[in-house]
Amino acid sequence: MTNSPDDPLHGSGDARGQGSFNSGLYVGKGTFNGPVAVGYQAQAVQSNQAGSGDDLARLEDLLQQLEGGIRQLGGAPAEAALADVGRLRNELDERSIDTPRISHLLQRITTVVAPVSGLLELVDRVKDLITAILH
């Protein structure tokens, strides 16, 4: 069986980039604003920081989103990562913040969420915001 260029599952778009199909994934021309997830266990996560107030409120929002995504992963590693997010919150509430401890907790969380690009992006945003808050 041959695939024609008009076949919506196997064909390809024109040379101007009007869209193409490759293994059932459509790549279209234009601008897309919003979360996108591709790949095994991929999750699309959107974080809206505009108008959220101060850095601590934004950090809490990101941590809640991260927890929600980790819960969806399930399993013992996800439970450990959730506990680490709780420990991270506690550490950030301390008067004397232990920066190496925060770094260690973020690394442990990163290890669990690394296969999920949307969650990995959230952890990176949490790291950037914590860095900004601590400096």
N, C-alpha and C. Protein backbone atom coordinates (compact mmCIF):
# COMPACT_ATOMS: atom_id res chain seq x y z
N MET A 1 0.83 -1.17 0.00
CA MET A 1 0.00 0.00 0.00
C MET A 1 0.88 1.24 0.00
N THR A 2 0.63 2.16 -0.90
CA THR A 2 1.41 3.39 -0.95
C THR A 2 0.62 4.52 -0.31
N ASN A 3 1.34 5.47 0.22
CA ASN A 3 0.72 6.62 0.86
C ASN A 3 0.73 7.80 -0.09
N SER A 4 -0.42 8.40 -0.29
CA SER A 4 -0.49 9.56 -1.16
C SER A 4 -0.26 10.82 -0.34
N PRO A 5 0.17 11.91 -1.01
CA PRO A 5 0.36 13.16 -0.29
C PRO A 5 -0.93 13.69 0.31
N ASP A 6 -2.07 13.19 -0.16
CA ASP A 6 -3.35 13.66 0.36
C ASP A 6 -3.84 12.84 1.55
N ASP A 7 -3.14 11.76 1.86
CA ASP A 7 -3.54 10.90 2.97
C ASP A 7 -3.31 11.64 4.28
N PRO A 8 -4.35 11.93 5.08
CA PRO A 8 -4.19 12.73 6.29
C PRO A 8 -3.36 12.07 7.38
N LEU A 9 -3.14 10.78 7.30
CA LEU A 9 -2.34 10.12 8.32
C LEU A 9 -0.91 9.90 7.90
N HIS A 10 -0.63 9.89 6.62
CA HIS A 10 0.71 9.56 6.18
C HIS A 10 1.28 10.53 5.16
N GLY A 11 0.45 11.38 4.59
CA GLY A 11 0.93 12.29 3.57
C GLY A 11 1.75 13.40 4.17
N SER A 12 2.18 14.31 3.32
CA SER A 12 2.95 15.44 3.83
C SER A 12 2.39 16.70 3.20
N GLY A 13 2.59 17.79 3.87
CA GLY A 13 2.11 19.08 3.39
C GLY A 13 2.99 19.60 2.28
N ASP A 14 2.78 20.82 1.90
CA ASP A 14 3.53 21.38 0.80
C ASP A 14 4.88 21.91 1.27
N ALA A 15 5.70 22.32 0.32
CA ALA A 15 7.05 22.77 0.61
C ALA A 15 7.06 24.09 1.37
N ARG A 16 5.96 24.80 1.43
CA ARG A 16 5.91 26.07 2.16
C ARG A 16 5.70 25.86 3.66
N GLY A 17 5.60 24.63 4.09
CA GLY A 17 5.41 24.36 5.51
C GLY A 17 3.97 24.48 5.94
N GLN A 18 3.05 24.24 5.05
CA GLN A 18 1.64 24.34 5.38
C GLN A 18 1.20 23.23 6.33
N GLY A 19 2.06 22.34 6.60
CA GLY A 19 1.76 21.27 7.54
C GLY A 19 2.27 19.96 7.00
N SER A 20 2.64 19.09 7.87
CA SER A 20 3.09 17.78 7.43
C SER A 20 2.73 16.75 8.49
N PHE A 21 2.61 15.54 8.03
CA PHE A 21 2.32 14.44 8.92
C PHE A 21 3.53 13.53 8.94
N ASN A 22 3.88 13.07 10.10
CA ASN A 22 4.99 12.15 10.24
C ASN A 22 4.64 11.24 11.40
N SER A 23 4.41 9.99 11.12
CA SER A 23 4.07 9.01 12.15
C SER A 23 2.84 9.42 12.94
N GLY A 24 1.88 10.05 12.27
CA GLY A 24 0.64 10.42 12.94
C GLY A 24 0.70 11.71 13.72
N LEU A 25 1.83 12.41 13.71
CA LEU A 25 1.95 13.68 14.41
C LEU A 25 1.84 14.79 13.39
N TYR A 26 0.91 15.69 13.57
CA TYR A 26 0.73 16.79 12.64
C TYR A 26 1.53 17.99 13.11
N VAL A 27 2.32 18.53 12.22
CA VAL A 27 3.09 19.72 12.51
C VAL A 27 2.55 20.82 11.61
N GLY A 28 1.90 21.78 12.18
CA GLY A 28 1.24 22.82 11.39
C GLY A 28 2.00 24.12 11.38
N LYS A 29 1.64 24.97 10.47
CA LYS A 29 2.24 26.28 10.36
C LYS A 29 1.43 27.25 11.21
N GLY A 30 2.10 28.16 11.86
CA GLY A 30 1.40 29.16 12.63
C GLY A 30 1.94 29.26 14.04
N THR A 31 1.23 30.00 14.85
CA THR A 31 1.64 30.24 16.24
C THR A 31 0.66 29.54 17.16
N PHE A 32 1.19 28.89 18.18
CA PHE A 32 0.36 28.23 19.17
C PHE A 32 0.78 28.73 20.53
N ASN A 33 -0.18 29.19 21.30
CA ASN A 33 0.08 29.63 22.66
C ASN A 33 -0.62 28.68 23.60
N GLY A 34 0.14 27.96 24.37
CA GLY A 34 -0.43 27.03 25.33
C GLY A 34 0.50 25.86 25.53
N PRO A 35 0.17 25.01 26.48
CA PRO A 35 1.03 23.88 26.77
C PRO A 35 0.96 22.82 25.68
N VAL A 36 2.09 22.16 25.45
CA VAL A 36 2.18 21.08 24.48
C VAL A 36 2.95 19.94 25.14
N ALA A 37 2.48 18.73 24.95
CA ALA A 37 3.17 17.58 25.50
C ALA A 37 3.34 16.54 24.41
N VAL A 38 4.55 16.00 24.27
CA VAL A 38 4.83 14.99 23.26
C VAL A 38 5.73 13.95 23.90
N GLY A 39 5.44 12.69 23.66
CA GLY A 39 6.32 11.63 24.14
C GLY A 39 5.70 10.81 25.24
N TYR A 40 6.41 9.78 25.60
CA TYR A 40 5.96 8.84 26.61
C TYR A 40 5.74 9.55 27.93
N GLN A 41 4.58 9.41 28.51
CA GLN A 41 4.17 10.01 29.78
C GLN A 41 4.30 11.53 29.79
N ALA A 42 4.22 12.14 28.63
CA ALA A 42 4.31 13.60 28.56
C ALA A 42 3.07 14.22 29.15
N GLN A 43 3.23 15.37 29.78
CA GLN A 43 2.13 16.12 30.33
C GLN A 43 2.27 17.57 29.92
N ALA A 44 1.19 18.16 29.53
CA ALA A 44 1.20 19.58 29.21
C ALA A 44 0.84 20.35 30.47
N VAL A 45 1.67 21.28 30.84
CA VAL A 45 1.46 22.05 32.05
C VAL A 45 1.55 23.52 31.68
N GLN A 46 0.60 24.28 32.14
CA GLN A 46 0.63 25.72 31.89
C GLN A 46 0.66 26.45 33.21
N SER A 47 1.56 27.39 33.31
CA SER A 47 1.68 28.20 34.51
C SER A 47 1.51 29.65 34.14
N ASN A 48 0.56 30.30 34.74
CA ASN A 48 0.32 31.71 34.47
C ASN A 48 0.86 32.52 35.63
N GLN A 49 1.94 33.26 35.41
CA GLN A 49 2.53 34.04 36.48
C GLN A 49 2.04 35.48 36.47
N ALA A 50 1.48 35.93 35.38
CA ALA A 50 1.07 37.33 35.28
C ALA A 50 0.01 37.66 36.33
N GLY A 51 0.22 38.74 37.03
CA GLY A 51 -0.75 39.21 37.99
C GLY A 51 -0.84 38.39 39.26
N SER A 52 0.12 37.51 39.52
CA SER A 52 0.02 36.65 40.68
C SER A 52 0.55 37.30 41.96
N GLY A 53 1.02 38.53 41.85
CA GLY A 53 1.48 39.22 43.05
C GLY A 53 2.96 39.08 43.25
N ASP A 54 3.35 38.83 44.48
CA ASP A 54 4.76 38.77 44.83
C ASP A 54 5.39 37.43 44.51
N ASP A 55 6.69 37.36 44.68
CA ASP A 55 7.45 36.14 44.35
C ASP A 55 7.01 34.94 45.17
N LEU A 56 6.69 35.15 46.43
CA LEU A 56 6.28 34.02 47.27
C LEU A 56 4.95 33.44 46.81
N ALA A 57 4.04 34.28 46.39
CA ALA A 57 2.75 33.80 45.86
C ALA A 57 2.96 33.03 44.57
N ARG A 58 3.85 33.51 43.71
CA ARG A 58 4.15 32.79 42.47
C ARG A 58 4.81 31.46 42.76
N LEU A 59 5.71 31.45 43.74
CA LEU A 59 6.38 30.21 44.11
C LEU A 59 5.37 29.19 44.63
N GLU A 60 4.46 29.63 45.47
CA GLU A 60 3.43 28.72 45.99
C GLU A 60 2.57 28.17 44.86
N ASP A 61 2.22 29.01 43.91
CA ASP A 61 1.43 28.58 42.76
C ASP A 61 2.19 27.51 41.96
N LEU A 62 3.47 27.73 41.72
CA LEU A 62 4.28 26.76 40.98
C LEU A 62 4.40 25.45 41.75
N LEU A 63 4.59 25.54 43.06
CA LEU A 63 4.71 24.33 43.87
C LEU A 63 3.40 23.53 43.86
N GLN A 64 2.27 24.21 43.88
CA GLN A 64 0.98 23.50 43.81
C GLN A 64 0.82 22.81 42.46
N GLN A 65 1.20 23.49 41.39
CA GLN A 65 1.13 22.87 40.06
C GLN A 65 2.05 21.66 39.97
N LEU A 66 3.25 21.80 40.53
CA LEU A 66 4.21 20.71 40.53
C LEU A 66 3.66 19.52 41.31
N GLU A 67 3.08 19.77 42.46
CA GLU A 67 2.49 18.68 43.25
C GLU A 67 1.39 17.97 42.47
N GLY A 68 0.55 18.73 41.80
CA GLY A 68 -0.52 18.12 41.00
C GLY A 68 0.03 17.22 39.91
N GLY A 69 1.07 17.66 39.24
CA GLY A 69 1.68 16.85 38.20
C GLY A 69 2.36 15.61 38.76
N ILE A 70 3.02 15.75 39.89
CA ILE A 70 3.70 14.60 40.52
C ILE A 70 2.66 13.58 40.97
N ARG A 71 1.54 14.04 41.51
CA ARG A 71 0.48 13.10 41.94
C ARG A 71 0.01 12.24 40.77
N GLN A 72 -0.06 12.83 39.59
CA GLN A 72 -0.50 12.09 38.41
C GLN A 72 0.49 11.01 38.01
N LEU A 73 1.75 11.17 38.36
CA LEU A 73 2.75 10.16 38.04
C LEU A 73 2.50 8.87 38.82
N GLY A 74 2.16 9.02 40.08
CA GLY A 74 1.89 7.86 40.93
C GLY A 74 3.16 7.07 41.24
N GLY A 75 3.04 6.16 42.18
CA GLY A 75 4.15 5.28 42.54
C GLY A 75 4.99 5.84 43.67
N ALA A 76 5.90 4.99 44.14
CA ALA A 76 6.76 5.34 45.28
C ALA A 76 7.67 6.54 44.98
N PRO A 77 8.30 6.61 43.79
CA PRO A 77 9.14 7.79 43.53
C PRO A 77 8.33 9.10 43.57
N ALA A 78 7.11 9.06 43.08
CA ALA A 78 6.26 10.25 43.11
C ALA A 78 5.91 10.62 44.55
N GLU A 79 5.63 9.63 45.37
CA GLU A 79 5.33 9.91 46.78
C GLU A 79 6.54 10.54 47.47
N ALA A 80 7.73 10.04 47.17
CA ALA A 80 8.95 10.61 47.75
C ALA A 80 9.14 12.05 47.27
N ALA A 81 8.86 12.31 45.99
CA ALA A 81 8.99 13.67 45.45
C ALA A 81 7.98 14.61 46.11
N LEU A 82 6.77 14.13 46.35
CA LEU A 82 5.77 14.95 47.05
C LEU A 82 6.24 15.30 48.45
N ALA A 83 6.82 14.33 49.13
CA ALA A 83 7.36 14.59 50.47
C ALA A 83 8.49 15.62 50.39
N ASP A 84 9.32 15.54 49.34
CA ASP A 84 10.40 16.50 49.16
C ASP A 84 9.87 17.91 48.88
N VAL A 85 8.77 18.01 48.15
CA VAL A 85 8.16 19.33 47.92
C VAL A 85 7.71 19.91 49.27
N GLY A 86 7.14 19.07 50.13
CA GLY A 86 6.75 19.52 51.46
C GLY A 86 7.95 19.97 52.28
N ARG A 87 9.04 19.21 52.19
CA ARG A 87 10.26 19.59 52.91
C ARG A 87 10.83 20.90 52.36
N LEU A 88 10.72 21.06 51.04
CA LEU A 88 11.18 22.30 50.42
C LEU A 88 10.39 23.50 50.95
N ARG A 89 9.08 23.34 51.04
CA ARG A 89 8.24 24.41 51.61
C ARG A 89 8.68 24.74 53.04
N ASN A 90 8.88 23.69 53.84
CA ASN A 90 9.31 23.89 55.23
C ASN A 90 10.64 24.62 55.29
N GLU A 91 11.56 24.23 54.43
CA GLU A 91 12.89 24.84 54.42
C GLU A 91 12.80 26.33 54.06
N LEU A 92 11.92 26.64 53.11
CA LEU A 92 11.77 28.03 52.69
C LEU A 92 11.09 28.89 53.76
N ASP A 93 10.37 28.24 54.69
CA ASP A 93 9.71 28.96 55.79
C ASP A 93 10.65 29.26 56.95
N GLU A 94 11.81 28.61 56.97
CA GLU A 94 12.76 28.78 58.07
C GLU A 94 13.40 30.16 58.02
N ARG A 95 13.77 30.65 59.19
CA ARG A 95 14.48 31.94 59.26
C ARG A 95 15.87 31.81 58.66
N SER A 96 16.54 30.74 58.97
CA SER A 96 17.88 30.49 58.45
C SER A 96 17.77 29.42 57.36
N ILE A 97 17.74 29.85 56.13
CA ILE A 97 17.55 28.93 55.01
C ILE A 97 18.84 28.18 54.71
N ASP A 98 18.73 26.88 54.61
CA ASP A 98 19.85 26.01 54.30
C ASP A 98 19.90 25.80 52.78
N THR A 99 20.68 26.64 52.09
CA THR A 99 20.74 26.60 50.63
C THR A 99 21.17 25.24 50.08
N PRO A 100 22.18 24.59 50.67
CA PRO A 100 22.54 23.25 50.16
C PRO A 100 21.39 22.24 50.30
N ARG A 101 20.64 22.34 51.38
CA ARG A 101 19.49 21.43 51.57
C ARG A 101 18.44 21.69 50.50
N ILE A 102 18.15 22.96 50.20
CA ILE A 102 17.19 23.29 49.15
C ILE A 102 17.67 22.74 47.82
N SER A 103 18.93 22.92 47.55
CA SER A 103 19.51 22.41 46.29
C SER A 103 19.37 20.89 46.21
N HIS A 104 19.63 20.21 47.31
CA HIS A 104 19.52 18.74 47.34
C HIS A 104 18.06 18.30 47.11
N LEU A 105 17.12 18.97 47.77
CA LEU A 105 15.71 18.62 47.58
C LEU A 105 15.26 18.85 46.14
N LEU A 106 15.68 19.96 45.55
CA LEU A 106 15.32 20.24 44.16
C LEU A 106 15.92 19.20 43.22
N GLN A 107 17.13 18.75 43.51
CA GLN A 107 17.75 17.72 42.67
C GLN A 107 16.99 16.40 42.77
N ARG A 108 16.56 16.06 43.98
CA ARG A 108 15.79 14.81 44.14
C ARG A 108 14.46 14.89 43.40
N ILE A 109 13.80 16.03 43.47
CA ILE A 109 12.54 16.23 42.75
C ILE A 109 12.78 16.16 41.25
N THR A 110 13.85 16.81 40.79
CA THR A 110 14.19 16.82 39.37
C THR A 110 14.41 15.40 38.85
N THR A 111 15.05 14.57 39.62
CA THR A 111 15.31 13.19 39.22
C THR A 111 14.02 12.44 38.95
N VAL A 112 13.01 12.67 39.76
CA VAL A 112 11.73 11.97 39.61
C VAL A 112 10.96 12.50 38.40
N VAL A 113 10.97 13.81 38.20
CA VAL A 113 10.13 14.38 37.14
C VAL A 113 10.85 14.52 35.80
N ALA A 114 12.13 14.21 35.73
CA ALA A 114 12.92 14.41 34.51
C ALA A 114 12.30 13.82 33.25
N PRO A 115 11.66 12.64 33.30
CA PRO A 115 11.08 12.10 32.07
C PRO A 115 9.87 12.88 31.55
N VAL A 116 9.33 13.78 32.35
CA VAL A 116 8.12 14.52 31.96
C VAL A 116 8.52 15.98 31.76
N SER A 117 8.64 16.38 30.50
CA SER A 117 9.18 17.70 30.19
C SER A 117 8.40 18.84 30.83
N GLY A 118 7.09 18.76 30.88
CA GLY A 118 6.30 19.83 31.50
C GLY A 118 6.60 19.99 32.97
N LEU A 119 6.77 18.88 33.67
CA LEU A 119 7.10 18.95 35.09
C LEU A 119 8.54 19.39 35.29
N LEU A 120 9.42 18.98 34.40
CA LEU A 120 10.81 19.41 34.49
C LEU A 120 10.90 20.92 34.30
N GLU A 121 10.09 21.44 33.41
CA GLU A 121 10.04 22.89 33.20
C GLU A 121 9.54 23.60 34.46
N LEU A 122 8.55 23.02 35.13
CA LEU A 122 8.06 23.61 36.39
C LEU A 122 9.16 23.64 37.44
N VAL A 123 9.92 22.56 37.57
CA VAL A 123 11.00 22.52 38.56
C VAL A 123 12.03 23.60 38.22
N ASP A 124 12.34 23.76 36.95
CA ASP A 124 13.29 24.81 36.56
C ASP A 124 12.78 26.19 36.93
N ARG A 125 11.49 26.41 36.77
CA ARG A 125 10.91 27.71 37.13
C ARG A 125 10.94 27.91 38.64
N VAL A 126 10.69 26.84 39.40
CA VAL A 126 10.77 26.91 40.86
C VAL A 126 12.20 27.26 41.26
N LYS A 127 13.19 26.59 40.65
CA LYS A 127 14.60 26.88 40.96
C LYS A 127 14.93 28.34 40.68
N ASP A 128 14.51 28.83 39.52
CA ASP A 128 14.80 30.22 39.16
C ASP A 128 14.16 31.20 40.14
N LEU A 129 12.95 30.92 40.54
CA LEU A 129 12.25 31.81 41.46
C LEU A 129 12.88 31.77 42.86
N ILE A 130 13.26 30.58 43.31
CA ILE A 130 13.91 30.47 44.62
C ILE A 130 15.24 31.22 44.59
N THR A 131 15.98 31.09 43.49
CA THR A 131 17.24 31.82 43.36
C THR A 131 17.01 33.32 43.46
N ALA A 132 15.97 33.80 42.78
CA ALA A 132 15.65 35.23 42.82
C ALA A 132 15.24 35.67 44.23
N ILE A 133 14.48 34.84 44.91
CA ILE A 133 14.04 35.18 46.27
C ILE A 133 15.21 35.22 47.25
N LEU A 134 16.14 34.28 47.09
CA LEU A 134 17.25 34.19 48.03
C LEU A 134 18.32 35.25 47.79
N HIS A 135 18.28 35.89 46.65
CA HIS A 135 19.30 36.91 46.35
C HIS A 135 18.77 38.28 46.37
